[in-house]
Amino acid sequence: MNNSISTKEVPFLSFSETQKALDCSKTFMYTLIDKGELKPKYLGAKPYFLINDILGAMKDAPEKY
């Protein structure tokens, strides 16, 4: 069974799959969580992210420094 992100049929991704999908570091992921742009849902101690939340985090323009 191919466990590729593109062929997944569930409405959520794990932390590492979300990090891959956003092509970002763990630090940036935690920044998005702290800002409330990504809201983890937990199964036990493992965080998962709804695909709609991930898409919402991607739609905003990057911040200017």
C-alpha atoms as a PDB file:
ATOM      1  CA  MET A   1       0.000   0.000   0.000  1.00  0.00           C
ATOM      2  CA  ASN A   2       1.346   3.386  -1.013  1.00  0.00           C
ATOM      3  CA  ASN A   3       1.226   5.799   1.937  1.00  0.00           C
ATOM      4  CA  SER A   4       1.936   8.913  -0.124  1.00  0.00           C
ATOM      5  CA  ILE A   5       0.424  12.224   0.978  1.00  0.00           C
ATOM      6  CA  SER A   6      -1.153  12.712  -2.455  1.00  0.00           C
ATOM      7  CA  THR A   7      -3.055   9.401  -2.298  1.00  0.00           C
ATOM      8  CA  LYS A   8      -4.243   9.664   1.285  1.00  0.00           C
ATOM      9  CA  GLU A   9      -7.995   9.490   1.710  1.00  0.00           C
ATOM     10  CA  VAL A  10      -8.245  10.752   5.302  1.00  0.00           C
ATOM     11  CA  PRO A  11      -8.981  14.397   6.200  1.00  0.00           C
ATOM     12  CA  PHE A  12      -5.845  14.830   8.317  1.00  0.00           C
ATOM     13  CA  LEU A  13      -2.048  14.506   8.252  1.00  0.00           C
ATOM     14  CA  SER A  14       0.457  13.664  10.957  1.00  0.00           C
ATOM     15  CA  PHE A  15       2.994  16.233  12.195  1.00  0.00           C
ATOM     16  CA  SER A  16       5.738  14.928   9.889  1.00  0.00           C
ATOM     17  CA  GLU A  17       3.381  14.683   6.891  1.00  0.00           C
ATOM     18  CA  THR A  18       2.206  18.252   7.511  1.00  0.00           C
ATOM     19  CA  GLN A  19       5.818  19.412   7.784  1.00  0.00           C
ATOM     20  CA  LYS A  20       6.553  17.740   4.429  1.00  0.00           C
ATOM     21  CA  ALA A  21       3.427  19.186   2.805  1.00  0.00           C
ATOM     22  CA  LEU A  22       4.334  22.719   3.941  1.00  0.00           C
ATOM     23  CA  ASP A  23       8.046  22.122   3.229  1.00  0.00           C
ATOM     24  CA  CYS A  24       9.068  23.785   6.488  1.00  0.00           C
ATOM     25  CA  SER A  25      11.078  23.183   9.651  1.00  0.00           C
ATOM     26  CA  LYS A  26       9.757  21.934  12.998  1.00  0.00           C
ATOM     27  CA  THR A  27      10.417  25.389  14.423  1.00  0.00           C
ATOM     28  CA  PHE A  28       8.184  26.992  11.781  1.00  0.00           C
ATOM     29  CA  MET A  29       5.485  24.391  12.477  1.00  0.00           C
ATOM     30  CA  TYR A  30       5.551  25.284  16.181  1.00  0.00           C
ATOM     31  CA  THR A  31       5.370  28.978  15.236  1.00  0.00           C
ATOM     32  CA  LEU A  32       2.210  28.310  13.202  1.00  0.00           C
ATOM     33  CA  ILE A  33       0.747  26.379  16.142  1.00  0.00           C
ATOM     34  CA  ASP A  34       1.623  29.171  18.612  1.00  0.00           C
ATOM     35  CA  LYS A  35       0.002  31.773  16.324  1.00  0.00           C
ATOM     36  CA  GLY A  36      -3.124  29.621  16.106  1.00  0.00           C
ATOM     37  CA  GLU A  37      -2.816  29.139  12.343  1.00  0.00           C
ATOM     38  CA  LEU A  38      -2.508  25.368  12.798  1.00  0.00           C
ATOM     39  CA  LYS A  39      -4.548  23.639  15.458  1.00  0.00           C
ATOM     40  CA  PRO A  40      -3.392  20.111  16.317  1.00  0.00           C
ATOM     41  CA  LYS A  41      -5.929  17.417  17.128  1.00  0.00           C
ATOM     42  CA  TYR A  42      -4.566  14.612  19.263  1.00  0.00           C
ATOM     43  CA  LEU A  43      -5.006  10.853  19.111  1.00  0.00           C
ATOM     44  CA  GLY A  44      -3.313   9.884  22.338  1.00  0.00           C
ATOM     45  CA  ALA A  45      -0.148  11.966  22.457  1.00  0.00           C
ATOM     46  CA  LYS A  46       0.328  12.146  18.674  1.00  0.00           C
ATOM     47  CA  PRO A  47      -0.727  15.407  16.953  1.00  0.00           C
ATOM     48  CA  TYR A  48      -2.623  15.444  13.665  1.00  0.00           C
ATOM     49  CA  PHE A  49      -3.714  18.387  11.525  1.00  0.00           C
ATOM     50  CA  LEU A  50      -6.897  18.723   9.491  1.00  0.00           C
ATOM     51  CA  ILE A  51      -6.217  19.306   5.805  1.00  0.00           C
ATOM     52  CA  ASN A  52      -8.547  22.330   5.778  1.00  0.00           C
ATOM     53  CA  ASP A  53      -6.442  23.938   8.545  1.00  0.00           C
ATOM     54  CA  ILE A  54      -3.257  23.243   6.568  1.00  0.00           C
ATOM     55  CA  LEU A  55      -4.739  24.864   3.459  1.00  0.00           C
ATOM     56  CA  GLY A  56      -5.818  27.841   5.564  1.00  0.00           C
ATOM     57  CA  ALA A  57      -2.273  28.282   6.865  1.00  0.00           C
ATOM     58  CA  MET A  58      -0.963  28.268   3.282  1.00  0.00           C
ATOM     59  CA  LYS A  59      -3.320  30.934   1.900  1.00  0.00           C
ATOM     60  CA  ASP A  60      -1.860  33.896   3.782  1.00  0.00           C
ATOM     61  CA  ALA A  61       0.840  36.037   2.243  1.00  0.00           C
ATOM     62  CA  PRO A  62       4.244  35.765   3.909  1.00  0.00           C
ATOM     63  CA  GLU A  63       5.051  38.296   6.596  1.00  0.00           C
ATOM     64  CA  LYS A  64       7.459  41.081   5.689  1.00  0.00           C
ATOM     65  CA  TYR A  65      10.495  41.384   7.905  1.00  0.00           C
END
